[in-house]
């Protein structure tokens, strides 16, 4: 009976240790991502094209691809602005390009950046460094 309790306590301690280690590693990864690109745009902590890490992740997600298998044994692949349909033998059946209004996308991205508190802070730091 006493042995069972010690095994349970030890298990809980091990799980807690693993969770804490994972959390610490994740925090370090986010700090590194934030500092990535140090000096790229003469601003400290500027990452990809002057974006904060959150926006870098969102951009990567938007630019990523996806593959879906439909009930009719076709595979649909969405990558960038291209949608492709393959048959069961992986032969290309049809391909189409999705039209995107790039000016509108750019405006939406700029608006999103203006509303981001992290981006505002980075811009203030950049202005202070230039003075």
N, C-alpha and C. Protein backbone atom coordinates (compact mmCIF):
# COMPACT_ATOMS: atom_id res chain seq x y z
N UNK A 1 0.82 -1.19 0.00
CA UNK A 1 0.00 0.00 0.00
C UNK A 1 0.87 1.26 0.00
N UNK A 2 1.86 1.29 0.88
CA UNK A 2 2.77 2.42 0.98
C UNK A 2 3.61 2.55 -0.30
N UNK A 3 3.96 1.40 -0.86
CA UNK A 3 4.76 1.40 -2.08
C UNK A 3 3.96 2.01 -3.24
N UNK A 4 2.66 1.73 -3.33
CA UNK A 4 1.80 2.29 -4.38
C UNK A 4 1.78 3.82 -4.29
N UNK A 5 1.68 4.32 -3.07
CA UNK A 5 1.65 5.78 -2.88
C UNK A 5 2.95 6.41 -3.37
N UNK A 6 4.08 5.78 -3.05
CA UNK A 6 5.36 6.33 -3.49
C UNK A 6 5.50 6.29 -5.01
N UNK A 7 5.00 5.24 -5.63
CA UNK A 7 5.05 5.14 -7.09
C UNK A 7 4.19 6.25 -7.71
N UNK A 8 3.02 6.49 -7.14
CA UNK A 8 2.13 7.54 -7.65
C UNK A 8 2.79 8.91 -7.47
N UNK A 9 3.34 9.17 -6.30
CA UNK A 9 4.01 10.45 -6.03
C UNK A 9 5.19 10.64 -6.98
N UNK A 10 5.98 9.60 -7.17
CA UNK A 10 7.12 9.67 -8.07
C UNK A 10 6.65 9.95 -9.50
N UNK A 11 5.57 9.31 -9.92
CA UNK A 11 5.01 9.54 -11.25
C UNK A 11 4.57 10.99 -11.43
N UNK A 12 3.91 11.53 -10.42
CA UNK A 12 3.45 12.92 -10.49
C UNK A 12 4.64 13.88 -10.57
N UNK A 13 5.67 13.61 -9.78
CA UNK A 13 6.87 14.45 -9.79
C UNK A 13 7.55 14.39 -11.16
N UNK A 14 7.64 13.21 -11.75
CA UNK A 14 8.26 13.07 -13.07
C UNK A 14 7.46 13.82 -14.14
N UNK A 15 6.15 13.70 -14.11
CA UNK A 15 5.31 14.41 -15.08
C UNK A 15 5.48 15.91 -14.92
N UNK A 16 5.48 16.39 -13.68
CA UNK A 16 5.67 17.82 -13.43
C UNK A 16 7.03 18.29 -13.94
N UNK A 17 8.07 17.48 -13.75
CA UNK A 17 9.41 17.85 -14.21
C UNK A 17 9.46 17.94 -15.74
N UNK A 18 8.81 17.00 -16.41
CA UNK A 18 8.78 17.01 -17.87
C UNK A 18 8.03 18.25 -18.37
N UNK A 19 6.91 18.57 -17.74
CA UNK A 19 6.13 19.75 -18.14
C UNK A 19 6.95 21.02 -17.94
N UNK A 20 7.62 21.14 -16.80
CA UNK A 20 8.44 22.33 -16.54
C UNK A 20 9.60 22.44 -17.53
N UNK A 21 10.23 21.32 -17.85
CA UNK A 21 11.33 21.35 -18.81
C UNK A 21 10.84 21.76 -20.19
N UNK A 22 9.69 21.25 -20.60
CA UNK A 22 9.13 21.61 -21.90
C UNK A 22 8.77 23.09 -21.93
N UNK A 23 8.21 23.59 -20.84
CA UNK A 23 7.84 25.01 -20.77
C UNK A 23 9.08 25.89 -20.85
N UNK A 24 10.14 25.52 -20.15
CA UNK A 24 11.38 26.30 -20.17
C UNK A 24 11.99 26.30 -21.56
N UNK A 25 11.96 25.16 -22.22
CA UNK A 25 12.50 25.06 -23.57
C UNK A 25 11.69 25.91 -24.54
N UNK A 26 10.38 25.91 -24.39
CA UNK A 26 9.51 26.70 -25.26
C UNK A 26 9.77 28.19 -25.04
N UNK A 27 9.92 28.61 -23.80
CA UNK A 27 10.20 30.02 -23.50
C UNK A 27 11.52 30.44 -24.13
N UNK A 28 12.53 29.58 -24.04
CA UNK A 28 13.83 29.88 -24.65
C UNK A 28 13.70 29.99 -26.16
N UNK A 29 12.93 29.11 -26.76
CA UNK A 29 12.73 29.13 -28.21
C UNK A 29 12.07 30.43 -28.64
N UNK A 30 11.07 30.90 -27.88
CA UNK A 30 10.40 32.16 -28.21
C UNK A 30 11.35 33.34 -28.08
N UNK A 31 12.19 33.33 -27.05
CA UNK A 31 13.17 34.41 -26.89
C UNK A 31 14.14 34.42 -28.06
N UNK A 32 14.60 33.25 -28.47
CA UNK A 32 15.52 33.17 -29.60
C UNK A 32 14.85 33.65 -30.87
N UNK A 33 13.59 33.30 -31.05
CA UNK A 33 12.87 33.71 -32.25
C UNK A 33 12.70 35.22 -32.26
N UNK A 34 12.46 35.81 -31.10
CA UNK A 34 12.28 37.25 -31.01
C UNK A 34 13.59 37.96 -31.32
N UNK A 35 14.71 37.40 -30.86
CA UNK A 35 16.00 38.03 -31.08
C UNK A 35 16.57 37.70 -32.46
N UNK A 36 15.99 36.73 -33.14
CA UNK A 36 16.47 36.31 -34.45
C UNK A 36 16.46 37.50 -35.40
N UNK A 37 17.44 37.60 -36.19
CA UNK A 37 17.48 38.68 -37.16
C UNK A 37 17.98 39.96 -36.53
N UNK A 38 18.67 39.87 -35.43
CA UNK A 38 19.18 41.04 -34.74
C UNK A 38 20.02 41.87 -35.70
N UNK A 39 19.59 43.08 -35.96
CA UNK A 39 20.31 43.97 -36.84
C UNK A 39 19.92 43.88 -38.30
N UNK A 40 18.98 43.02 -38.66
CA UNK A 40 18.60 42.88 -40.06
C UNK A 40 18.04 44.18 -40.62
N UNK A 41 17.25 44.86 -39.82
CA UNK A 41 16.68 46.13 -40.27
C UNK A 41 17.13 47.24 -39.33
N UNK A 42 18.31 47.08 -38.76
CA UNK A 42 18.87 48.03 -37.81
C UNK A 42 17.96 48.26 -36.62
N UNK A 43 17.17 47.27 -36.30
CA UNK A 43 16.32 47.34 -35.14
C UNK A 43 16.54 46.10 -34.31
N UNK A 44 16.69 46.25 -33.04
CA UNK A 44 16.97 45.10 -32.19
C UNK A 44 15.74 44.21 -32.12
N UNK A 45 15.92 42.92 -32.30
CA UNK A 45 14.81 41.99 -32.18
C UNK A 45 13.94 41.91 -33.41
N UNK A 46 14.36 42.50 -34.50
CA UNK A 46 13.55 42.43 -35.70
C UNK A 46 13.76 41.09 -36.35
N UNK A 47 12.70 40.41 -36.63
CA UNK A 47 12.80 39.11 -37.27
C UNK A 47 12.60 39.25 -38.76
N UNK A 48 11.84 38.36 -39.30
CA UNK A 48 11.58 38.31 -40.73
C UNK A 48 10.88 39.58 -41.20
N UNK A 49 11.54 40.37 -42.02
CA UNK A 49 10.98 41.59 -42.61
C UNK A 49 10.40 42.54 -41.56
N UNK A 50 11.00 42.59 -40.39
CA UNK A 50 10.55 43.53 -39.36
C UNK A 50 9.29 43.11 -38.65
N UNK A 51 8.96 41.85 -38.71
CA UNK A 51 7.73 41.38 -38.06
C UNK A 51 8.05 40.81 -36.69
N UNK A 52 7.07 40.87 -35.82
CA UNK A 52 7.24 40.23 -34.53
C UNK A 52 7.06 38.72 -34.73
N UNK A 53 7.51 37.91 -33.79
CA UNK A 53 7.43 36.45 -33.96
C UNK A 53 6.02 35.95 -34.23
N UNK A 54 5.02 36.60 -33.65
CA UNK A 54 3.64 36.17 -33.87
C UNK A 54 3.27 36.31 -35.34
N UNK A 55 3.67 37.42 -35.95
CA UNK A 55 3.33 37.63 -37.35
C UNK A 55 4.14 36.72 -38.26
N UNK A 56 5.38 36.42 -37.88
CA UNK A 56 6.18 35.47 -38.66
C UNK A 56 5.47 34.12 -38.71
N UNK A 57 4.98 33.69 -37.57
CA UNK A 57 4.26 32.42 -37.51
C UNK A 57 2.99 32.45 -38.33
N UNK A 58 2.27 33.55 -38.27
CA UNK A 58 1.04 33.67 -39.04
C UNK A 58 1.34 33.66 -40.53
N UNK A 59 2.42 34.35 -40.93
CA UNK A 59 2.78 34.39 -42.33
C UNK A 59 3.17 33.00 -42.82
N UNK A 60 3.93 32.29 -42.02
CA UNK A 60 4.31 30.93 -42.38
C UNK A 60 3.10 30.03 -42.51
N UNK A 61 2.12 30.23 -41.65
CA UNK A 61 0.89 29.45 -41.70
C UNK A 61 0.11 29.77 -42.97
N UNK A 62 0.06 31.04 -43.36
CA UNK A 62 -0.69 31.42 -44.56
C UNK A 62 0.00 30.92 -45.81
N UNK A 63 1.33 30.87 -45.79
CA UNK A 63 2.07 30.45 -46.97
C UNK A 63 2.23 28.94 -47.05
N UNK A 64 1.86 28.23 -46.03
CA UNK A 64 2.01 26.78 -45.99
C UNK A 64 1.06 26.08 -46.94
N UNK A 65 1.14 24.78 -46.98
CA UNK A 65 0.28 24.01 -47.86
C UNK A 65 -0.53 23.00 -47.09
N UNK A 66 -1.49 22.39 -47.78
CA UNK A 66 -2.33 21.38 -47.15
C UNK A 66 -2.73 20.36 -48.21
N UNK A 67 -2.91 19.12 -47.78
CA UNK A 67 -3.37 18.06 -48.68
C UNK A 67 -4.58 17.40 -48.03
N UNK A 68 -5.63 17.21 -48.83
CA UNK A 68 -6.88 16.62 -48.33
C UNK A 68 -7.28 15.49 -49.26
N UNK A 69 -7.66 14.37 -48.69
CA UNK A 69 -8.18 13.25 -49.48
C UNK A 69 -9.70 13.32 -49.46
N UNK A 70 -10.30 13.32 -50.63
CA UNK A 70 -11.76 13.40 -50.72
C UNK A 70 -12.35 11.99 -50.79
N UNK A 71 -13.65 11.90 -50.65
CA UNK A 71 -14.34 10.61 -50.66
C UNK A 71 -14.29 9.92 -52.02
N UNK A 72 -13.99 10.67 -53.08
CA UNK A 72 -13.95 10.08 -54.42
C UNK A 72 -12.53 9.67 -54.84
N UNK A 73 -11.67 9.35 -53.86
CA UNK A 73 -10.29 8.91 -54.09
C UNK A 73 -9.44 9.94 -54.84
N UNK A 74 -9.76 11.20 -54.68
CA UNK A 74 -8.93 12.26 -55.24
C UNK A 74 -8.19 12.94 -54.09
N UNK A 75 -7.04 13.47 -54.41
CA UNK A 75 -6.26 14.22 -53.42
C UNK A 75 -6.19 15.66 -53.89
N UNK A 76 -6.55 16.56 -53.01
CA UNK A 76 -6.50 17.99 -53.31
C UNK A 76 -5.32 18.58 -52.54
N UNK A 77 -4.45 19.27 -53.25
CA UNK A 77 -3.27 19.88 -52.64
C UNK A 77 -3.37 21.39 -52.81
N UNK A 78 -3.29 22.09 -51.69
CA UNK A 78 -3.32 23.55 -51.71
C UNK A 78 -1.96 24.05 -51.25
N UNK A 79 -1.26 24.74 -52.13
CA UNK A 79 0.07 25.24 -51.80
C UNK A 79 0.24 26.63 -52.40
N UNK A 80 0.49 27.61 -51.53
CA UNK A 80 0.60 28.98 -52.01
C UNK A 80 -0.72 29.44 -52.57
N UNK A 81 -0.72 29.82 -53.85
CA UNK A 81 -1.96 30.23 -54.50
C UNK A 81 -2.38 29.22 -55.57
N UNK A 82 -1.92 27.99 -55.43
CA UNK A 82 -2.20 26.96 -56.42
C UNK A 82 -3.01 25.83 -55.79
N UNK A 83 -4.06 25.39 -56.46
CA UNK A 83 -4.88 24.27 -56.02
C UNK A 83 -4.76 23.18 -57.08
N UNK A 84 -4.35 21.99 -56.66
CA UNK A 84 -4.15 20.88 -57.60
C UNK A 84 -4.99 19.69 -57.18
N UNK A 85 -5.48 18.97 -58.19
CA UNK A 85 -6.29 17.78 -57.95
C UNK A 85 -5.58 16.58 -58.58
N UNK A 86 -5.35 15.55 -57.77
CA UNK A 86 -4.69 14.33 -58.24
C UNK A 86 -5.64 13.16 -58.11
N UNK A 87 -5.49 12.16 -59.02
CA UNK A 87 -6.32 10.97 -58.92
C UNK A 87 -5.66 9.96 -57.97
N UNK A 88 -6.23 8.77 -57.88
CA UNK A 88 -5.73 7.75 -56.95
C UNK A 88 -4.31 7.30 -57.30
N UNK A 89 -3.90 7.43 -58.57
CA UNK A 89 -2.56 7.04 -59.01
C UNK A 89 -1.58 8.21 -58.95
N UNK A 90 -1.98 9.29 -58.31
CA UNK A 90 -1.19 10.51 -58.16
C UNK A 90 -0.84 11.16 -59.49
N UNK A 91 -1.75 11.05 -60.43
CA UNK A 91 -1.62 11.75 -61.71
C UNK A 91 -2.40 13.05 -61.60
N UNK A 92 -1.79 14.14 -62.04
CA UNK A 92 -2.43 15.45 -61.97
C UNK A 92 -3.66 15.47 -62.87
N UNK A 93 -4.82 15.77 -62.29
CA UNK A 93 -6.07 15.82 -63.04
C UNK A 93 -6.36 17.26 -63.45
N UNK A 94 -6.26 18.18 -62.49
CA UNK A 94 -6.56 19.58 -62.77
C UNK A 94 -5.75 20.47 -61.85
N UNK A 95 -5.44 21.65 -62.35
CA UNK A 95 -4.68 22.62 -61.56
C UNK A 95 -5.27 24.00 -61.82
N UNK A 96 -5.38 24.78 -60.76
CA UNK A 96 -5.90 26.14 -60.91
C UNK A 96 -5.13 27.08 -60.00
N UNK A 97 -5.06 28.32 -60.41
CA UNK A 97 -4.41 29.36 -59.61
C UNK A 97 -5.50 30.22 -58.99
N UNK A 98 -5.33 30.51 -57.72
CA UNK A 98 -6.31 31.32 -57.00
C UNK A 98 -5.85 32.77 -57.06
N UNK A 99 -6.74 33.63 -57.53
CA UNK A 99 -6.41 35.05 -57.65
C UNK A 99 -6.52 35.71 -56.28
N UNK A 100 -5.50 36.48 -55.95
CA UNK A 100 -5.47 37.19 -54.68
C UNK A 100 -5.14 38.66 -54.96
N UNK A 101 -5.92 39.54 -54.37
CA UNK A 101 -5.67 40.97 -54.51
C UNK A 101 -4.51 41.33 -53.58
N UNK A 102 -3.31 41.43 -54.14
CA UNK A 102 -2.12 41.64 -53.33
C UNK A 102 -2.12 43.02 -52.65
N UNK A 103 -2.66 44.03 -53.31
CA UNK A 103 -2.72 45.36 -52.69
C UNK A 103 -3.58 45.32 -51.44
N UNK A 104 -4.72 44.64 -51.54
CA UNK A 104 -5.61 44.54 -50.39
C UNK A 104 -4.96 43.71 -49.28
N UNK A 105 -4.29 42.63 -49.66
CA UNK A 105 -3.60 41.81 -48.66
C UNK A 105 -2.52 42.62 -47.95
N UNK A 106 -1.79 43.44 -48.71
CA UNK A 106 -0.74 44.26 -48.12
C UNK A 106 -1.34 45.27 -47.15
N UNK A 107 -2.45 45.90 -47.55
CA UNK A 107 -3.12 46.87 -46.67
C UNK A 107 -3.59 46.20 -45.39
N UNK A 108 -4.18 45.01 -45.52
CA UNK A 108 -4.66 44.28 -44.34
C UNK A 108 -3.49 43.92 -43.42
N UNK A 109 -2.38 43.51 -44.00
CA UNK A 109 -1.20 43.17 -43.21
C UNK A 109 -0.65 44.39 -42.48
N UNK A 110 -0.62 45.54 -43.17
CA UNK A 110 -0.14 46.76 -42.53
C UNK A 110 -1.06 47.18 -41.39
N UNK A 111 -2.36 47.05 -41.58
CA UNK A 111 -3.32 47.38 -40.52
C UNK A 111 -3.12 46.47 -39.32
N UNK A 112 -2.91 45.19 -39.59
CA UNK A 112 -2.70 44.23 -38.52
C UNK A 112 -1.42 44.57 -37.75
N UNK A 113 -0.38 44.97 -38.47
CA UNK A 113 0.88 45.34 -37.83
C UNK A 113 0.71 46.58 -36.96
N UNK A 114 -0.06 47.56 -37.44
CA UNK A 114 -0.27 48.80 -36.68
C UNK A 114 -0.99 48.53 -35.36
N UNK A 115 -1.83 47.52 -35.33
CA UNK A 115 -2.60 47.21 -34.14
C UNK A 115 -1.85 46.30 -33.17
N UNK A 116 -0.72 45.78 -33.59
CA UNK A 116 0.05 44.84 -32.76
C UNK A 116 0.90 45.61 -31.75
N UNK A 117 0.68 45.40 -30.45
CA UNK A 117 1.48 46.12 -29.44
C UNK A 117 2.96 45.74 -29.48
N UNK A 118 3.25 44.51 -29.84
CA UNK A 118 4.64 44.07 -29.91
C UNK A 118 5.37 44.79 -31.05
N UNK A 119 4.69 44.97 -32.17
CA UNK A 119 5.27 45.66 -33.31
C UNK A 119 5.51 47.13 -32.98
N UNK A 120 4.55 47.76 -32.30
CA UNK A 120 4.70 49.16 -31.90
C UNK A 120 5.93 49.34 -31.02
N UNK A 121 6.10 48.42 -30.09
CA UNK A 121 7.24 48.48 -29.18
C UNK A 121 8.55 48.35 -29.96
N UNK A 122 8.60 47.45 -30.93
CA UNK A 122 9.80 47.26 -31.72
C UNK A 122 10.10 48.51 -32.54
N UNK A 123 9.07 49.15 -33.09
CA UNK A 123 9.27 50.36 -33.88
C UNK A 123 9.79 51.50 -33.00
N UNK A 124 9.27 51.61 -31.77
CA UNK A 124 9.76 52.63 -30.84
C UNK A 124 11.23 52.39 -30.51
N UNK A 125 11.59 51.13 -30.30
CA UNK A 125 12.99 50.80 -30.02
C UNK A 125 13.88 51.15 -31.20
N UNK A 126 13.39 50.90 -32.40
CA UNK A 126 14.16 51.19 -33.60
C UNK A 126 14.38 52.70 -33.73
N UNK A 127 13.34 53.49 -33.47
CA UNK A 127 13.46 54.94 -33.54
C UNK A 127 14.45 55.46 -32.50
N UNK A 128 14.41 54.88 -31.30
CA UNK A 128 15.34 55.30 -30.25
C UNK A 128 16.78 54.98 -30.62
N UNK A 129 16.99 53.86 -31.30
CA UNK A 129 18.35 53.46 -31.69
C UNK A 129 18.88 54.36 -32.80
N UNK A 130 18.01 54.87 -33.65
CA UNK A 130 18.43 55.71 -34.76
C UNK A 130 18.79 57.12 -34.30
N UNK A 131 18.28 57.54 -33.14
CA UNK A 131 18.55 58.90 -32.64
C UNK A 131 19.92 59.03 -32.06
